[in-house]
Amino acid sequence: RSGDFVAPLIAYAPKDVAREFLAATSYRKLHLGYDASVMAGWLNADAAPSRDGVMRLNPALAFPLPSAAFSCIYSNHHLQNSSLEDGLHILRECRRILKIGGVMRIATLDRRRIATLAGDDLDAEAEAARAWFIDEYLPDRPAVDGPTVVSAIVHSFGHRFLFDRQSLEALARKAGFIALEWTELGASEHPALQRIDGAGIDGAARFNKYLTMVLELTKI
């Protein structure tokens, strides 16, 4: 299906991409996400990059990056495209490569929020999110109802495991993180992590705001 994500079977990381980045700065930031949202000043990594300058990183294998080397990691709707087992591995690897005091920011879909879109009595925010998704992704399907929208979100875009707050916290703690803090889109106490989740008032931004939860993990 269009938009589906397929992780590669082998890990490959262009050594020059990582090597040049690591040599260029001591305040290192890793961006895990889809390469359509490449971030300047970050080492951008994706499981299946389609452009130069993005590091290929298989979520099931050890990251070819040194321990305690990064100050910030941003997981941009990345964790939801991995299995639960790979998600645990990703968080453990991220904790390994973070410096003491380093922060990992996770933005990912909230499965409980997604489930609300199946209902009939929606508030204005949920109604707007559902209407935008139907117009954007299901415009030609007749009589689209809430459960159809939920099914489309869950099973499209390469999603493999969707979290709620409790399950994401549990996974982070199992990976060894102790200091956890929930925050809002765009908000962070850490300057490098502020206003990086996307902004705006269009339908996509409202959809993202309604369905996304953000957790920051500090390595202590």
N, C-alpha and C. Protein backbone atom coordinates (compact mmCIF):
# COMPACT_ATOMS: atom_id res chain seq x y z
N ARG A 1 0.84 -1.19 0.00
CA ARG A 1 0.00 0.00 0.00
C ARG A 1 0.87 1.23 0.00
N SER A 2 0.36 2.29 -0.60
CA SER A 2 1.11 3.54 -0.66
C SER A 2 1.37 4.06 0.74
N GLY A 3 2.59 4.45 1.01
CA GLY A 3 2.93 4.99 2.32
C GLY A 3 3.40 3.96 3.31
N ASP A 4 3.22 2.69 2.98
CA ASP A 4 3.65 1.68 3.92
C ASP A 4 5.17 1.68 4.04
N PHE A 5 5.61 1.33 5.23
CA PHE A 5 7.03 1.34 5.57
C PHE A 5 7.51 -0.10 5.65
N VAL A 6 8.66 -0.37 5.04
CA VAL A 6 9.26 -1.71 5.11
C VAL A 6 10.69 -1.55 5.59
N ALA A 7 10.99 -2.10 6.76
CA ALA A 7 12.35 -1.99 7.28
C ALA A 7 13.29 -2.88 6.47
N PRO A 8 14.52 -2.41 6.25
CA PRO A 8 15.47 -3.24 5.51
C PRO A 8 15.89 -4.45 6.31
N LEU A 9 16.36 -5.48 5.62
CA LEU A 9 16.75 -6.70 6.31
C LEU A 9 18.17 -6.61 6.86
N ILE A 10 18.97 -5.68 6.34
CA ILE A 10 20.33 -5.53 6.84
C ILE A 10 20.56 -4.09 7.23
N ALA A 11 21.50 -3.88 8.12
CA ALA A 11 21.83 -2.52 8.55
C ALA A 11 22.94 -1.97 7.67
N TYR A 12 22.76 -0.74 7.25
CA TYR A 12 23.82 -0.08 6.51
C TYR A 12 23.84 1.38 6.91
N ALA A 13 24.95 1.88 7.35
CA ALA A 13 25.08 3.28 7.73
C ALA A 13 26.25 3.86 6.97
N PRO A 14 26.02 4.79 6.04
CA PRO A 14 27.13 5.42 5.34
C PRO A 14 28.10 6.02 6.35
N LYS A 15 29.29 5.46 6.41
CA LYS A 15 30.22 5.85 7.47
C LYS A 15 30.57 7.32 7.40
N ASP A 16 30.63 7.86 6.19
CA ASP A 16 31.01 9.26 6.09
C ASP A 16 29.97 10.17 6.69
N VAL A 17 28.68 9.82 6.60
CA VAL A 17 27.62 10.65 7.17
C VAL A 17 27.79 10.77 8.68
N ALA A 18 27.92 9.63 9.35
CA ALA A 18 28.08 9.65 10.80
C ALA A 18 29.43 10.20 11.21
N ARG A 19 30.48 9.79 10.52
CA ARG A 19 31.82 10.22 10.89
C ARG A 19 31.97 11.74 10.77
N GLU A 20 31.49 12.30 9.68
CA GLU A 20 31.61 13.74 9.49
C GLU A 20 30.79 14.49 10.53
N PHE A 21 29.62 13.98 10.84
CA PHE A 21 28.79 14.65 11.85
C PHE A 21 29.45 14.60 13.22
N LEU A 22 29.93 13.43 13.62
CA LEU A 22 30.53 13.28 14.95
C LEU A 22 31.77 14.14 15.10
N ALA A 23 32.51 14.34 14.01
CA ALA A 23 33.73 15.14 14.07
C ALA A 23 33.45 16.63 14.08
N ALA A 24 32.24 17.01 13.65
CA ALA A 24 31.96 18.44 13.45
C ALA A 24 31.56 19.18 14.71
N THR A 25 31.02 18.46 15.71
CA THR A 25 30.50 19.14 16.89
C THR A 25 30.53 18.22 18.10
N SER A 26 30.60 18.81 19.27
CA SER A 26 30.54 18.02 20.50
C SER A 26 29.12 18.00 21.07
N TYR A 27 28.27 18.94 20.63
CA TYR A 27 26.87 18.93 21.03
C TYR A 27 26.07 18.25 19.92
N ARG A 28 25.92 16.95 20.05
CA ARG A 28 25.40 16.13 18.96
C ARG A 28 23.93 15.81 19.18
N LYS A 29 23.19 15.90 18.08
CA LYS A 29 21.74 15.67 18.10
C LYS A 29 21.39 14.65 17.03
N LEU A 30 20.63 13.63 17.42
CA LEU A 30 20.22 12.57 16.51
C LEU A 30 18.72 12.67 16.26
N HIS A 31 18.34 12.68 14.99
CA HIS A 31 16.93 12.72 14.61
C HIS A 31 16.55 11.39 13.98
N LEU A 32 15.65 10.67 14.64
CA LEU A 32 15.13 9.40 14.14
C LEU A 32 13.75 9.67 13.54
N GLY A 33 13.61 9.46 12.25
CA GLY A 33 12.31 9.72 11.64
C GLY A 33 12.35 9.46 10.16
N TYR A 34 11.33 9.92 9.46
CA TYR A 34 11.29 9.74 8.02
C TYR A 34 12.07 10.87 7.37
N ASP A 35 12.79 10.55 6.30
CA ASP A 35 13.74 11.53 5.76
C ASP A 35 13.07 12.66 5.00
N ALA A 36 11.74 12.66 4.94
CA ALA A 36 11.04 13.81 4.38
C ALA A 36 11.15 15.01 5.30
N SER A 37 11.54 14.79 6.54
CA SER A 37 11.64 15.88 7.51
C SER A 37 13.07 16.00 8.03
N VAL A 38 14.02 16.12 7.12
CA VAL A 38 15.42 16.27 7.49
C VAL A 38 15.61 17.57 8.28
N MET A 39 16.34 17.48 9.39
CA MET A 39 16.54 18.64 10.25
C MET A 39 17.99 19.10 10.17
N ALA A 40 18.19 20.37 9.88
CA ALA A 40 19.53 20.93 9.79
C ALA A 40 20.20 20.93 11.16
N GLY A 41 21.48 20.57 11.18
CA GLY A 41 22.24 20.55 12.42
C GLY A 41 22.10 19.26 13.22
N TRP A 42 21.34 18.32 12.69
CA TRP A 42 21.14 17.03 13.35
C TRP A 42 21.71 15.93 12.46
N LEU A 43 22.09 14.81 13.08
CA LEU A 43 22.37 13.59 12.33
C LEU A 43 21.03 12.93 12.08
N ASN A 44 20.59 12.94 10.82
CA ASN A 44 19.28 12.40 10.47
C ASN A 44 19.41 10.92 10.11
N ALA A 45 18.53 10.10 10.66
CA ALA A 45 18.59 8.65 10.43
C ALA A 45 17.21 8.11 10.17
N ASP A 46 17.15 7.14 9.28
CA ASP A 46 15.89 6.52 8.92
C ASP A 46 16.17 5.08 8.52
N ALA A 47 15.17 4.20 8.69
CA ALA A 47 15.36 2.80 8.31
C ALA A 47 15.43 2.61 6.80
N ALA A 48 14.81 3.51 6.06
CA ALA A 48 14.81 3.37 4.60
C ALA A 48 14.92 4.75 3.96
N PRO A 49 16.07 5.40 4.08
CA PRO A 49 16.21 6.76 3.54
C PRO A 49 16.17 6.78 2.02
N SER A 50 15.67 7.90 1.51
CA SER A 50 15.56 8.05 0.06
C SER A 50 16.39 9.21 -0.47
N ARG A 51 17.23 9.79 0.39
CA ARG A 51 18.04 10.91 -0.06
C ARG A 51 19.43 10.83 0.55
N ASP A 52 20.38 11.51 -0.07
CA ASP A 52 21.74 11.56 0.44
C ASP A 52 21.77 12.33 1.76
N GLY A 53 22.74 11.98 2.58
CA GLY A 53 22.93 12.70 3.83
C GLY A 53 22.10 12.18 4.97
N VAL A 54 21.28 11.14 4.72
CA VAL A 54 20.48 10.53 5.78
C VAL A 54 21.06 9.16 6.07
N MET A 55 21.31 8.90 7.32
CA MET A 55 21.94 7.65 7.74
C MET A 55 20.90 6.52 7.75
N ARG A 56 21.25 5.39 7.17
CA ARG A 56 20.38 4.21 7.23
C ARG A 56 20.61 3.50 8.56
N LEU A 57 19.50 3.25 9.27
CA LEU A 57 19.61 2.68 10.61
C LEU A 57 18.54 1.62 10.78
N ASN A 58 18.94 0.38 10.86
CA ASN A 58 17.99 -0.71 11.06
C ASN A 58 17.59 -0.74 12.54
N PRO A 59 16.28 -0.63 12.84
CA PRO A 59 15.85 -0.57 14.24
C PRO A 59 16.06 -1.87 15.00
N ALA A 60 16.35 -2.96 14.31
CA ALA A 60 16.51 -4.25 14.98
C ALA A 60 17.96 -4.56 15.35
N LEU A 61 18.90 -3.75 14.86
CA LEU A 61 20.32 -4.02 15.07
C LEU A 61 20.98 -2.92 15.90
N ALA A 62 22.17 -3.22 16.41
CA ALA A 62 22.90 -2.23 17.21
C ALA A 62 23.20 -1.00 16.36
N PHE A 63 23.04 0.17 16.96
CA PHE A 63 23.33 1.40 16.24
C PHE A 63 24.85 1.52 16.05
N PRO A 64 25.31 1.81 14.85
CA PRO A 64 26.75 1.98 14.63
C PRO A 64 27.22 3.37 15.06
N LEU A 65 26.95 3.67 16.33
CA LEU A 65 27.28 4.97 16.90
C LEU A 65 27.91 4.77 18.27
N PRO A 66 28.84 5.64 18.67
CA PRO A 66 29.54 5.45 19.95
C PRO A 66 28.65 5.72 21.16
N SER A 67 28.98 5.10 22.26
CA SER A 67 28.25 5.31 23.51
C SER A 67 28.51 6.71 24.05
N ALA A 68 27.51 7.24 24.76
CA ALA A 68 27.62 8.53 25.46
C ALA A 68 28.13 9.64 24.54
N ALA A 69 27.61 9.69 23.32
CA ALA A 69 28.09 10.66 22.33
C ALA A 69 27.08 11.75 22.00
N PHE A 70 25.80 11.58 22.38
CA PHE A 70 24.76 12.51 21.95
C PHE A 70 24.13 13.23 23.13
N SER A 71 23.82 14.49 22.90
CA SER A 71 23.15 15.30 23.92
C SER A 71 21.64 15.24 23.79
N CYS A 72 21.14 15.08 22.57
CA CYS A 72 19.70 15.05 22.30
C CYS A 72 19.38 14.00 21.25
N ILE A 73 18.24 13.36 21.43
CA ILE A 73 17.69 12.47 20.41
C ILE A 73 16.22 12.83 20.23
N TYR A 74 15.80 12.94 18.99
CA TYR A 74 14.39 13.22 18.70
C TYR A 74 13.83 12.09 17.87
N SER A 75 12.86 11.37 18.42
CA SER A 75 12.17 10.30 17.72
C SER A 75 10.87 10.86 17.17
N ASN A 76 10.86 11.15 15.89
CA ASN A 76 9.77 11.88 15.24
C ASN A 76 8.81 10.91 14.55
N HIS A 77 7.78 10.46 15.28
CA HIS A 77 6.83 9.48 14.75
C HIS A 77 7.57 8.29 14.14
N HIS A 78 8.59 7.87 14.85
CA HIS A 78 9.48 6.81 14.39
C HIS A 78 9.19 5.50 15.12
N LEU A 79 8.90 5.60 16.42
CA LEU A 79 8.74 4.40 17.23
C LEU A 79 7.52 3.59 16.79
N GLN A 80 6.50 4.24 16.32
CA GLN A 80 5.26 3.55 15.94
C GLN A 80 5.43 2.67 14.69
N ASN A 81 6.55 2.83 13.98
CA ASN A 81 6.81 2.02 12.79
C ASN A 81 7.69 0.82 13.08
N SER A 82 7.89 0.52 14.35
CA SER A 82 8.67 -0.65 14.77
C SER A 82 7.80 -1.56 15.62
N SER A 83 8.19 -2.82 15.68
CA SER A 83 7.50 -3.75 16.57
C SER A 83 7.80 -3.38 18.02
N LEU A 84 7.05 -3.94 18.93
CA LEU A 84 7.29 -3.66 20.35
C LEU A 84 8.70 -4.10 20.75
N GLU A 85 9.14 -5.24 20.25
CA GLU A 85 10.48 -5.73 20.58
C GLU A 85 11.55 -4.80 20.02
N ASP A 86 11.37 -4.37 18.77
CA ASP A 86 12.34 -3.43 18.19
C ASP A 86 12.28 -2.09 18.91
N GLY A 87 11.10 -1.70 19.35
CA GLY A 87 10.97 -0.45 20.09
C GLY A 87 11.79 -0.47 21.37
N LEU A 88 11.77 -1.59 22.08
CA LEU A 88 12.58 -1.72 23.28
C LEU A 88 14.06 -1.62 22.94
N HIS A 89 14.45 -2.29 21.87
CA HIS A 89 15.85 -2.23 21.43
C HIS A 89 16.25 -0.80 21.08
N ILE A 90 15.38 -0.09 20.38
CA ILE A 90 15.67 1.30 20.01
C ILE A 90 15.89 2.16 21.24
N LEU A 91 15.03 2.03 22.23
CA LEU A 91 15.17 2.85 23.44
C LEU A 91 16.44 2.48 24.20
N ARG A 92 16.78 1.22 24.24
CA ARG A 92 18.02 0.82 24.92
C ARG A 92 19.24 1.37 24.20
N GLU A 93 19.22 1.32 22.88
CA GLU A 93 20.33 1.87 22.11
C GLU A 93 20.40 3.39 22.26
N CYS A 94 19.26 4.03 22.29
CA CYS A 94 19.26 5.49 22.47
C CYS A 94 19.81 5.85 23.84
N ARG A 95 19.45 5.09 24.85
CA ARG A 95 20.00 5.36 26.18
C ARG A 95 21.51 5.16 26.19
N ARG A 96 21.97 4.15 25.47
CA ARG A 96 23.41 3.89 25.41
C ARG A 96 24.18 5.04 24.78
N ILE A 97 23.67 5.60 23.71
CA ILE A 97 24.43 6.63 22.99
C ILE A 97 24.23 8.02 23.58
N LEU A 98 23.27 8.18 24.49
CA LEU A 98 23.10 9.47 25.15
C LEU A 98 24.18 9.70 26.20
N LYS A 99 24.59 10.96 26.32
CA LYS A 99 25.45 11.36 27.43
C LYS A 99 24.63 11.39 28.72
N ILE A 100 25.29 11.34 29.85
CA ILE A 100 24.59 11.57 31.11
C ILE A 100 23.98 12.96 31.07
N GLY A 101 22.72 13.05 31.41
CA GLY A 101 22.01 14.32 31.31
C GLY A 101 21.39 14.56 29.96
N GLY A 102 21.68 13.69 28.98
CA GLY A 102 21.10 13.82 27.65
C GLY A 102 19.62 13.47 27.66
N VAL A 103 18.91 13.99 26.67
CA VAL A 103 17.45 13.86 26.64
C VAL A 103 17.01 13.25 25.31
N MET A 104 16.09 12.30 25.41
CA MET A 104 15.42 11.76 24.23
C MET A 104 13.98 12.23 24.23
N ARG A 105 13.56 12.83 23.14
CA ARG A 105 12.18 13.29 22.99
C ARG A 105 11.46 12.36 22.02
N ILE A 106 10.35 11.80 22.46
CA ILE A 106 9.57 10.87 21.65
C ILE A 106 8.22 11.51 21.31
N ALA A 107 7.96 11.72 20.03
CA ALA A 107 6.64 12.12 19.56
C ALA A 107 6.05 10.95 18.81
N THR A 108 4.91 10.46 19.27
CA THR A 108 4.32 9.28 18.65
C THR A 108 2.81 9.33 18.80
N LEU A 109 2.11 8.58 17.97
CA LEU A 109 0.66 8.56 18.02
C LEU A 109 0.17 7.93 19.32
N ASP A 110 -0.93 8.45 19.84
CA ASP A 110 -1.57 7.96 21.05
C ASP A 110 -2.75 7.08 20.64
N ARG A 111 -2.65 5.78 20.91
CA ARG A 111 -3.69 4.88 20.44
C ARG A 111 -5.04 5.14 21.12
N ARG A 112 -5.02 5.68 22.33
CA ARG A 112 -6.30 6.00 22.99
C ARG A 112 -6.99 7.17 22.29
N ARG A 113 -6.19 8.16 21.86
CA ARG A 113 -6.76 9.26 21.11
C ARG A 113 -7.30 8.78 19.76
N ILE A 114 -6.55 7.90 19.13
CA ILE A 114 -7.02 7.35 17.86
C ILE A 114 -8.36 6.65 18.04
N ALA A 115 -8.49 5.88 19.12
CA ALA A 115 -9.73 5.13 19.38
C ALA A 115 -10.93 6.04 19.53
N THR A 116 -10.72 7.25 20.05
CA THR A 116 -11.85 8.17 20.23
C THR A 116 -12.49 8.55 18.90
N LEU A 117 -11.73 8.48 17.81
CA LEU A 117 -12.25 8.88 16.51
C LEU A 117 -13.30 7.91 15.97
N ALA A 118 -13.46 6.76 16.63
CA ALA A 118 -14.49 5.80 16.23
C ALA A 118 -15.86 6.18 16.76
N GLY A 119 -15.90 7.08 17.72
CA GLY A 119 -17.16 7.43 18.38
C GLY A 119 -18.04 8.35 17.57
N ASP A 120 -19.25 8.55 18.08
CA ASP A 120 -20.23 9.42 17.42
C ASP A 120 -20.30 10.80 18.06
N ASP A 121 -20.00 10.87 19.34
CA ASP A 121 -20.12 12.13 20.07
C ASP A 121 -18.73 12.74 20.27
N LEU A 122 -18.22 13.39 19.23
CA LEU A 122 -16.86 13.93 19.26
C LEU A 122 -16.88 15.41 19.62
N ASP A 123 -15.81 15.84 20.32
CA ASP A 123 -15.66 17.27 20.53
C ASP A 123 -15.14 17.90 19.24
N ALA A 124 -15.05 19.22 19.24
CA ALA A 124 -14.69 19.94 18.02
C ALA A 124 -13.30 19.56 17.52
N GLU A 125 -12.36 19.36 18.46
CA GLU A 125 -10.99 19.02 18.09
C GLU A 125 -10.92 17.66 17.41
N ALA A 126 -11.61 16.68 17.99
CA ALA A 126 -11.62 15.34 17.42
C ALA A 126 -12.36 15.31 16.08
N GLU A 127 -13.45 16.03 16.00
CA GLU A 127 -14.22 16.09 14.75
C GLU A 127 -13.39 16.68 13.62
N ALA A 128 -12.63 17.73 13.94
CA ALA A 128 -11.78 18.35 12.92
C ALA A 128 -10.68 17.41 12.47
N ALA A 129 -10.10 16.66 13.41
CA ALA A 129 -9.04 15.71 13.07
C ALA A 129 -9.58 14.61 12.18
N ARG A 130 -10.75 14.09 12.53
CA ARG A 130 -11.33 13.00 11.73
C ARG A 130 -11.73 13.49 10.34
N ALA A 131 -12.31 14.67 10.26
CA ALA A 131 -12.74 15.21 8.97
C ALA A 131 -11.54 15.46 8.06
N TRP A 132 -10.45 15.96 8.63
CA TRP A 132 -9.26 16.20 7.81
C TRP A 132 -8.72 14.89 7.26
N PHE A 133 -8.66 13.85 8.09
CA PHE A 133 -8.12 12.57 7.63
C PHE A 133 -8.98 11.99 6.51
N ILE A 134 -10.28 12.09 6.63
CA ILE A 134 -11.16 11.57 5.59
C ILE A 134 -10.94 12.33 4.28
N ASP A 135 -10.86 13.64 4.36
CA ASP A 135 -10.66 14.44 3.14
C ASP A 135 -9.30 14.17 2.50
N GLU A 136 -8.29 13.93 3.34
CA GLU A 136 -6.93 13.76 2.84
C GLU A 136 -6.66 12.36 2.32
N TYR A 137 -7.17 11.34 3.01
CA TYR A 137 -6.78 9.97 2.69
C TYR A 137 -7.93 9.06 2.22
N LEU A 138 -9.18 9.45 2.48
CA LEU A 138 -10.30 8.59 2.10
C LEU A 138 -11.36 9.37 1.31
N PRO A 139 -10.94 10.24 0.41
CA PRO A 139 -11.93 11.11 -0.25
C PRO A 139 -12.88 10.38 -1.19
N ASP A 140 -12.46 9.22 -1.68
CA ASP A 140 -13.27 8.52 -2.68
C ASP A 140 -14.08 7.36 -2.10
N ARG A 141 -13.99 7.17 -0.80
CA ARG A 141 -14.74 6.08 -0.19
C ARG A 141 -16.10 6.60 0.26
N PRO A 142 -17.18 5.92 -0.11
CA PRO A 142 -18.51 6.38 0.29
C PRO A 142 -18.81 6.06 1.75
N ALA A 143 -19.52 6.94 2.39
CA ALA A 143 -20.05 6.71 3.75
C ALA A 143 -18.97 6.23 4.71
N VAL A 144 -17.90 7.02 4.82
CA VAL A 144 -16.83 6.67 5.75
C VAL A 144 -17.28 6.98 7.17
N ASP A 145 -17.18 5.97 8.06
CA ASP A 145 -17.56 6.19 9.45
C ASP A 145 -16.33 6.21 10.34
N GLY A 146 -16.54 6.44 11.63
CA GLY A 146 -15.44 6.54 12.58
C GLY A 146 -14.58 5.29 12.65
N PRO A 147 -15.16 4.09 12.78
CA PRO A 147 -14.33 2.88 12.83
C PRO A 147 -13.46 2.70 11.58
N THR A 148 -13.96 3.11 10.42
CA THR A 148 -13.15 3.02 9.20
C THR A 148 -11.93 3.92 9.30
N VAL A 149 -12.12 5.12 9.84
CA VAL A 149 -11.00 6.04 10.02
C VAL A 149 -9.96 5.44 10.95
N VAL A 150 -10.42 4.90 12.07
CA VAL A 150 -9.49 4.30 13.03
C VAL A 150 -8.72 3.16 12.39
N SER A 151 -9.41 2.29 11.66
CA SER A 151 -8.74 1.17 10.99
C SER A 151 -7.70 1.67 10.00
N ALA A 152 -8.03 2.72 9.25
CA ALA A 152 -7.10 3.25 8.26
C ALA A 152 -5.85 3.81 8.92
N ILE A 153 -6.02 4.51 10.03
CA ILE A 153 -4.86 5.08 10.73
C ILE A 153 -3.98 3.96 11.29
N VAL A 154 -4.61 2.98 11.90
CA VAL A 154 -3.85 1.91 12.57
C VAL A 154 -3.07 1.07 11.56
N HIS A 155 -3.67 0.78 10.41
CA HIS A 155 -3.08 -0.19 9.49
C HIS A 155 -2.32 0.43 8.32
N SER A 156 -2.24 1.74 8.25
CA SER A 156 -1.53 2.40 7.16
C SER A 156 -0.23 3.03 7.64
N PHE A 157 0.54 3.54 6.70
CA PHE A 157 1.75 4.31 6.98
C PHE A 157 2.85 3.49 7.64
N GLY A 158 2.76 2.18 7.54
CA GLY A 158 3.79 1.33 8.12
C GLY A 158 3.71 1.16 9.62
N HIS A 159 2.61 1.55 10.23
CA HIS A 159 2.49 1.40 11.68
C HIS A 159 2.54 -0.07 12.09
N ARG A 160 3.34 -0.33 13.12
CA ARG A 160 3.47 -1.71 13.60
C ARG A 160 3.05 -1.86 15.06
N PHE A 161 3.28 -0.82 15.86
CA PHE A 161 2.81 -0.87 17.25
C PHE A 161 2.49 0.55 17.70
N LEU A 162 1.28 0.75 18.18
CA LEU A 162 0.85 2.06 18.66
C LEU A 162 0.73 2.02 20.18
N PHE A 163 1.25 3.05 20.81
CA PHE A 163 1.32 3.12 22.27
C PHE A 163 0.21 4.01 22.83
N ASP A 164 -0.04 3.82 24.13
CA ASP A 164 -0.71 4.83 24.93
C ASP A 164 0.30 5.28 25.99
N ARG A 165 -0.09 6.17 26.86
CA ARG A 165 0.88 6.70 27.83
C ARG A 165 1.44 5.61 28.74
N GLN A 166 0.57 4.74 29.20
CA GLN A 166 1.02 3.71 30.14
C GLN A 166 2.02 2.75 29.48
N SER A 167 1.73 2.32 28.27
CA SER A 167 2.61 1.35 27.62
C SER A 167 3.93 1.99 27.20
N LEU A 168 3.92 3.27 26.82
CA LEU A 168 5.16 3.93 26.45
C LEU A 168 6.03 4.16 27.68
N GLU A 169 5.42 4.56 28.78
CA GLU A 169 6.18 4.72 30.02
C GLU A 169 6.80 3.39 30.45
N ALA A 170 6.02 2.32 30.36
CA ALA A 170 6.53 1.00 30.77
C ALA A 170 7.71 0.59 29.91
N LEU A 171 7.63 0.84 28.62
CA LEU A 171 8.74 0.48 27.73
C LEU A 171 9.98 1.30 28.04
N ALA A 172 9.81 2.59 28.31
CA ALA A 172 10.94 3.45 28.62
C ALA A 172 11.63 3.00 29.91
N ARG A 173 10.85 2.64 30.89
CA ARG A 173 11.44 2.17 32.15
C ARG A 173 12.15 0.83 31.96
N LYS A 174 11.57 -0.03 31.15
CA LYS A 174 12.22 -1.32 30.88
C LYS A 174 13.54 -1.13 30.16
N ALA A 175 13.65 -0.06 29.36
CA ALA A 175 14.88 0.24 28.64
C ALA A 175 15.94 0.88 29.54
N GLY A 176 15.57 1.22 30.78
CA GLY A 176 16.53 1.76 31.73
C GLY A 176 16.38 3.22 32.05
N PHE A 177 15.41 3.90 31.45
CA PHE A 177 15.17 5.30 31.76
C PHE A 177 14.40 5.42 33.08
N ILE A 178 14.79 6.38 33.88
CA ILE A 178 14.14 6.62 35.16
C ILE A 178 13.40 7.96 35.16
N ALA A 179 14.05 8.98 34.61
CA ALA A 179 13.48 10.32 34.58
C ALA A 179 12.63 10.50 33.34
N LEU A 180 11.30 10.55 33.52
CA LEU A 180 10.35 10.68 32.43
C LEU A 180 9.49 11.91 32.64
N GLU A 181 9.21 12.63 31.57
CA GLU A 181 8.35 13.82 31.69
C GLU A 181 7.48 13.97 30.43
N TRP A 182 6.16 14.05 30.66
CA TRP A 182 5.24 14.31 29.56
C TRP A 182 5.21 15.79 29.28
N THR A 183 5.13 16.14 28.00
CA THR A 183 5.07 17.54 27.61
C THR A 183 4.15 17.69 26.41
N GLU A 184 4.03 18.91 25.91
CA GLU A 184 3.15 19.20 24.79
C GLU A 184 3.95 19.37 23.50
N LEU A 185 3.27 19.28 22.38
CA LEU A 185 3.92 19.56 21.10
C LEU A 185 4.56 20.95 21.12
N GLY A 186 5.81 21.00 20.73
CA GLY A 186 6.52 22.27 20.65
C GLY A 186 7.11 22.75 21.95
N ALA A 187 6.74 22.15 23.07
CA ALA A 187 7.18 22.62 24.38
C ALA A 187 8.28 21.73 24.94
N SER A 188 9.32 22.35 25.49
CA SER A 188 10.40 21.60 26.14
C SER A 188 11.22 22.57 26.98
N GLU A 189 11.80 22.05 28.06
CA GLU A 189 12.73 22.86 28.85
C GLU A 189 14.09 22.94 28.19
N HIS A 190 14.31 22.14 27.16
CA HIS A 190 15.61 22.06 26.50
C HIS A 190 15.55 22.81 25.17
N PRO A 191 16.36 23.84 25.01
CA PRO A 191 16.28 24.69 23.81
C PRO A 191 16.34 23.92 22.50
N ALA A 192 17.18 22.91 22.43
CA ALA A 192 17.33 22.16 21.18
C ALA A 192 16.07 21.37 20.81
N LEU A 193 15.19 21.16 21.78
CA LEU A 193 14.00 20.34 21.56
C LEU A 193 12.72 21.17 21.50
N GLN A 194 12.85 22.47 21.51
CA GLN A 194 11.69 23.35 21.46
C GLN A 194 11.26 23.59 20.01
N ARG A 195 9.95 23.61 19.80
CA ARG A 195 9.36 23.96 18.50
C ARG A 195 9.89 23.11 17.34
N ILE A 196 10.09 21.82 17.60
CA ILE A 196 10.59 20.94 16.53
C ILE A 196 9.55 19.93 16.05
N ASP A 197 8.36 19.94 16.66
CA ASP A 197 7.36 18.93 16.33
C ASP A 197 6.46 19.33 15.17
N GLY A 198 6.68 20.48 14.60
CA GLY A 198 5.78 20.97 13.57
C GLY A 198 4.77 21.91 14.17
N ALA A 199 4.37 22.89 13.40
CA ALA A 199 3.42 23.88 13.88
C ALA A 199 2.48 24.26 12.76
N GLY A 200 1.56 25.15 13.08
CA GLY A 200 0.63 25.63 12.08
C GLY A 200 -0.80 25.44 12.52
N ILE A 201 -1.72 25.90 11.69
CA ILE A 201 -3.14 25.83 12.04
C ILE A 201 -3.92 25.10 10.96
N ASP A 202 -3.23 24.50 9.99
CA ASP A 202 -3.94 23.79 8.94
C ASP A 202 -4.43 22.45 9.47
N GLY A 203 -5.13 21.70 8.61
CA GLY A 203 -5.72 20.44 9.05
C GLY A 203 -4.70 19.43 9.51
N ALA A 204 -3.57 19.33 8.81
CA ALA A 204 -2.54 18.38 9.19
C ALA A 204 -1.99 18.70 10.58
N ALA A 205 -1.78 19.98 10.85
CA ALA A 205 -1.25 20.38 12.15
C ALA A 205 -2.25 20.08 13.27
N ARG A 206 -3.52 20.33 13.02
CA ARG A 206 -4.54 20.04 14.03
C ARG A 206 -4.67 18.53 14.26
N PHE A 207 -4.57 17.77 13.18
CA PHE A 207 -4.61 16.31 13.28
C PHE A 207 -3.44 15.80 14.12
N ASN A 208 -2.25 16.32 13.81
CA ASN A 208 -1.05 15.92 14.53
C ASN A 208 -1.15 16.28 16.01
N LYS A 209 -1.64 17.48 16.29
CA LYS A 209 -1.75 17.92 17.68
C LYS A 209 -2.72 17.05 18.46
N TYR A 210 -3.83 16.69 17.85
CA TYR A 210 -4.83 15.89 18.57
C TYR A 210 -4.35 14.48 18.85
N LEU A 211 -3.63 13.87 17.92
CA LEU A 211 -3.31 12.45 18.05
C LEU A 211 -1.91 12.16 18.60
N THR A 212 -1.07 13.17 18.74
CA THR A 212 0.32 12.93 19.14
C THR A 212 0.54 13.17 20.62
N MET A 213 1.28 12.27 21.24
CA MET A 213 1.72 12.47 22.62
C MET A 213 3.25 12.61 22.61
N VAL A 214 3.78 13.33 23.58
CA VAL A 214 5.22 13.63 23.60
C VAL A 214 5.77 13.31 24.99
N LEU A 215 6.79 12.46 25.00
CA LEU A 215 7.46 12.07 26.25
C LEU A 215 8.94 12.35 26.12
N GLU A 216 9.51 12.97 27.16
CA GLU A 216 10.95 13.21 27.20
C GLU A 216 11.60 12.35 28.28
N LEU A 217 12.69 11.70 27.88
CA LEU A 217 13.42 10.78 28.76
C LEU A 217 14.82 11.34 28.97
N THR A 218 15.23 11.44 30.23
CA THR A 218 16.57 11.95 30.55
C THR A 218 17.41 10.82 31.11
N LYS A 219 18.63 10.71 30.59
CA LYS A 219 19.55 9.69 31.08
C LYS A 219 20.25 10.23 32.32
N ILE A 220 20.10 9.53 33.42
CA ILE A 220 20.72 9.96 34.68
C ILE A 220 21.58 8.84 35.24
